[in-house]
């Protein structure tokens, strides 16, 4: 499916659009978001293993949901849309800040994103149905266990997870 991403400068001002795959082939800076859903009663994160058929980072574990806003779409609205499409539920989301990263990925692709970190809460007993074309597995994982696993097995996680998790940890300590 043909889909554009929003190209931005380092201050997150829109400077154009590019087809999603082309932007990743060229390593162009574009707007993205990473959603972290935390358990209502703890700081466990709902993690997802990306489906094997994804065009990059296939089979790797990541935060709850990631994507790109569409042209004219606010980031929080895009997050709610994508959370429903990918994970099968919605909840209130808060934008807790952003960061820029660049990572060389498999298949010669480059992630160069200004990534907004969005946070929300859900009961770990909630029942939801993930999109099997997007998500292979889910699990709840504590921040402490995730940090240890990122050190011991970094190759099993997406490139953006660690810097996005740093934003979540900073937010939680100042909350």
Protein backbone atom coordinates (compact mmCIF):
# COMPACT_ATOMS: atom_id res chain seq x y z
CA UNK A 1 0.00 0.00 0.00
CA UNK A 2 1.31 3.43 -0.98
CA UNK A 3 1.59 5.68 2.06
CA UNK A 4 3.43 8.95 2.61
CA UNK A 5 5.33 10.07 5.69
CA UNK A 6 5.75 13.68 6.77
CA UNK A 7 9.28 14.97 6.26
CA UNK A 8 10.39 17.37 9.01
CA UNK A 9 13.34 19.50 10.05
CA UNK A 10 15.01 19.10 13.45
CA UNK A 11 12.42 21.43 15.02
CA UNK A 12 9.58 19.13 13.81
CA UNK A 13 8.40 21.60 11.16
CA UNK A 14 6.90 19.92 8.11
CA UNK A 15 9.08 20.39 5.01
CA UNK A 16 7.40 17.94 2.63
CA UNK A 17 6.24 14.38 2.14
CA UNK A 18 7.77 11.19 0.78
CA UNK A 19 6.52 7.69 0.13
CA UNK A 20 7.20 5.63 3.28
CA UNK A 21 9.52 3.01 1.79
CA UNK A 22 11.43 5.64 -0.21
CA UNK A 23 11.94 7.74 2.94
CA UNK A 24 13.44 4.69 4.68
CA UNK A 25 15.62 3.87 1.67
CA UNK A 26 16.96 7.43 1.56
CA UNK A 27 17.20 7.90 5.33
CA UNK A 28 15.09 11.08 5.29
CA UNK A 29 14.10 12.65 8.62
CA UNK A 30 10.37 12.13 9.13
CA UNK A 31 7.78 12.33 11.91
CA UNK A 32 6.90 9.16 13.79
CA UNK A 33 5.48 8.05 17.11
CA UNK A 34 6.15 5.25 19.58
CA UNK A 35 3.35 4.25 21.95
CA UNK A 36 4.01 2.75 25.37
CA UNK A 37 0.97 1.29 27.09
CA UNK A 38 1.60 0.78 30.79
CA UNK A 39 -0.39 -1.43 33.15
CA UNK A 40 -2.73 0.57 35.38
CA UNK A 41 -1.42 -1.06 38.54
CA UNK A 42 2.34 -1.19 37.78
CA UNK A 43 4.99 0.09 35.40
CA UNK A 44 4.82 -2.99 33.19
CA UNK A 45 4.86 -2.22 29.47
CA UNK A 46 2.70 -3.97 26.90
CA UNK A 47 5.30 -5.18 24.39
CA UNK A 48 4.74 -6.55 20.90
CA UNK A 49 6.79 -8.81 18.68
CA UNK A 50 6.61 -7.46 15.15
CA UNK A 51 5.21 -9.83 12.55
CA UNK A 52 7.75 -11.72 10.41
CA UNK A 53 6.28 -10.14 7.26
CA UNK A 54 7.08 -6.52 8.27
CA UNK A 55 9.28 -4.67 5.77
CA UNK A 56 11.88 -3.94 8.45
CA UNK A 57 12.66 -5.09 11.98
CA UNK A 58 10.58 -8.22 11.36
CA UNK A 59 10.26 -10.54 14.35
CA UNK A 60 11.87 -8.07 16.77
CA UNK A 61 10.31 -7.06 20.08
CA UNK A 62 9.25 -3.45 20.50
CA UNK A 63 7.01 -1.14 22.49
CA UNK A 64 3.24 -1.42 22.16
CA UNK A 65 2.83 0.29 18.79
CA UNK A 66 4.75 2.53 16.36
CA UNK A 67 3.84 4.33 13.18
CA UNK A 68 3.69 7.64 11.33
CA UNK A 69 1.01 10.34 11.26
CA UNK A 70 -0.62 11.02 7.91
CA UNK A 71 -0.66 14.42 6.26
CA UNK A 72 -2.95 16.75 8.21
CA UNK A 73 -3.31 14.27 11.09
CA UNK A 74 -2.34 15.28 14.62
CA UNK A 75 0.15 12.92 16.25
CA UNK A 76 -2.15 11.94 19.14
CA UNK A 77 -5.03 11.23 16.74
CA UNK A 78 -2.66 9.12 14.61
CA UNK A 79 -1.59 7.23 17.72
CA UNK A 80 -5.17 6.40 18.65
CA UNK A 81 -5.94 5.33 15.07
CA UNK A 82 -2.88 3.11 14.82
CA UNK A 83 -3.34 1.61 18.30
CA UNK A 84 -6.82 0.46 17.24
CA UNK A 85 -5.61 -0.83 13.84
CA UNK A 86 -2.63 -2.72 15.23
CA UNK A 87 -3.50 -3.71 18.80
CA UNK A 88 -7.31 -3.74 18.70
CA UNK A 89 -8.02 -1.20 21.46
CA UNK A 90 -7.94 2.50 22.23
CA UNK A 91 -7.11 4.49 25.34
CA UNK A 92 -6.20 8.05 26.23
CA UNK A 93 -2.68 8.96 25.10
CA UNK A 94 -0.29 11.69 26.22
CA UNK A 95 2.68 13.01 24.23
CA UNK A 96 5.60 13.03 26.69
CA UNK A 97 8.29 14.39 24.36
CA UNK A 98 10.28 13.52 21.30
CA UNK A 99 13.79 12.64 20.17
CA UNK A 100 15.65 12.20 16.90
CA UNK A 101 17.49 9.02 16.04
CA UNK A 102 19.08 7.44 13.00
CA UNK A 103 19.64 3.69 12.69
CA UNK A 104 20.80 1.43 9.86
CA UNK A 105 18.32 -1.42 9.57
CA UNK A 106 18.11 -4.75 7.84
CA UNK A 107 17.58 -4.81 4.07
CA UNK A 108 19.58 -1.59 3.64
CA UNK A 109 16.86 0.63 5.12
CA UNK A 110 17.50 3.59 7.43
CA UNK A 111 15.24 4.81 10.22
CA UNK A 112 15.74 8.57 10.63
CA UNK A 113 12.88 9.77 12.72
CA UNK A 114 11.74 12.56 14.93
CA UNK A 115 9.89 10.19 17.22
CA UNK A 116 7.10 11.40 19.53
CA UNK A 117 6.75 9.17 22.59
CA UNK A 118 3.12 8.60 23.54
CA UNK A 119 2.04 6.97 26.77
CA UNK A 120 -1.26 5.44 27.85
CA UNK A 121 -2.63 3.03 30.45
CA UNK A 122 -4.58 -0.22 30.29
CA UNK A 123 -5.55 -2.93 32.71
CA UNK A 124 -3.30 -5.96 32.20
CA UNK A 125 -6.48 -8.05 32.42
CA UNK A 126 -7.98 -6.30 29.39
CA UNK A 127 -8.89 -8.49 26.47
CA UNK A 128 -7.99 -7.26 23.00
CA UNK A 129 -7.35 -8.82 19.60
CA UNK A 130 -4.20 -7.79 17.74
CA UNK A 131 -3.93 -7.50 13.98
CA UNK A 132 -2.09 -10.71 12.97
CA UNK A 133 -0.58 -8.99 9.92
CA UNK A 134 1.20 -6.56 12.25
CA UNK A 135 1.78 -8.37 15.55
CA UNK A 136 3.15 -11.84 16.17
CA UNK A 137 2.98 -11.91 19.99
CA UNK A 138 2.41 -9.64 22.98
CA UNK A 139 3.63 -9.72 26.58
CA UNK A 140 3.66 -7.50 29.64
CA UNK A 141 7.22 -6.77 30.76
CA UNK A 142 8.54 -4.71 33.67
CA UNK A 143 10.79 -1.77 32.86
CA UNK A 144 13.58 -3.29 34.96
CA UNK A 145 13.40 -6.64 33.15
CA UNK A 146 13.26 -4.87 29.80
CA UNK A 147 16.36 -2.80 30.60
CA UNK A 148 18.29 -5.93 31.56
CA UNK A 149 17.16 -7.78 28.45
CA UNK A 150 18.11 -4.82 26.24
CA UNK A 151 21.66 -5.12 27.61
CA UNK A 152 21.84 -8.91 27.31
CA UNK A 153 20.00 -9.38 24.00
CA UNK A 154 19.89 -6.06 22.11
CA UNK A 155 19.57 -7.86 18.76
CA UNK A 156 16.07 -9.04 19.71
CA UNK A 157 14.69 -5.49 20.01
CA UNK A 158 13.95 -2.65 17.58
CA UNK A 159 16.47 0.18 17.14
CA UNK A 160 14.16 2.86 18.55
CA UNK A 161 13.08 1.03 21.70
CA UNK A 162 15.98 1.98 24.01
CA UNK A 163 15.96 5.74 23.35
CA UNK A 164 12.15 5.85 23.52
CA UNK A 165 12.23 3.91 26.80
CA UNK A 166 14.61 6.54 28.21
CA UNK A 167 11.90 9.17 27.60
CA UNK A 168 9.33 7.01 29.39
CA UNK A 169 11.61 6.49 32.40
CA UNK A 170 12.33 10.23 32.64
CA UNK A 171 8.61 10.99 32.46
CA UNK A 172 7.76 8.45 35.16
CA UNK A 173 10.40 9.79 37.57
CA UNK A 174 9.11 13.36 37.22
CA UNK A 175 5.42 12.44 37.37
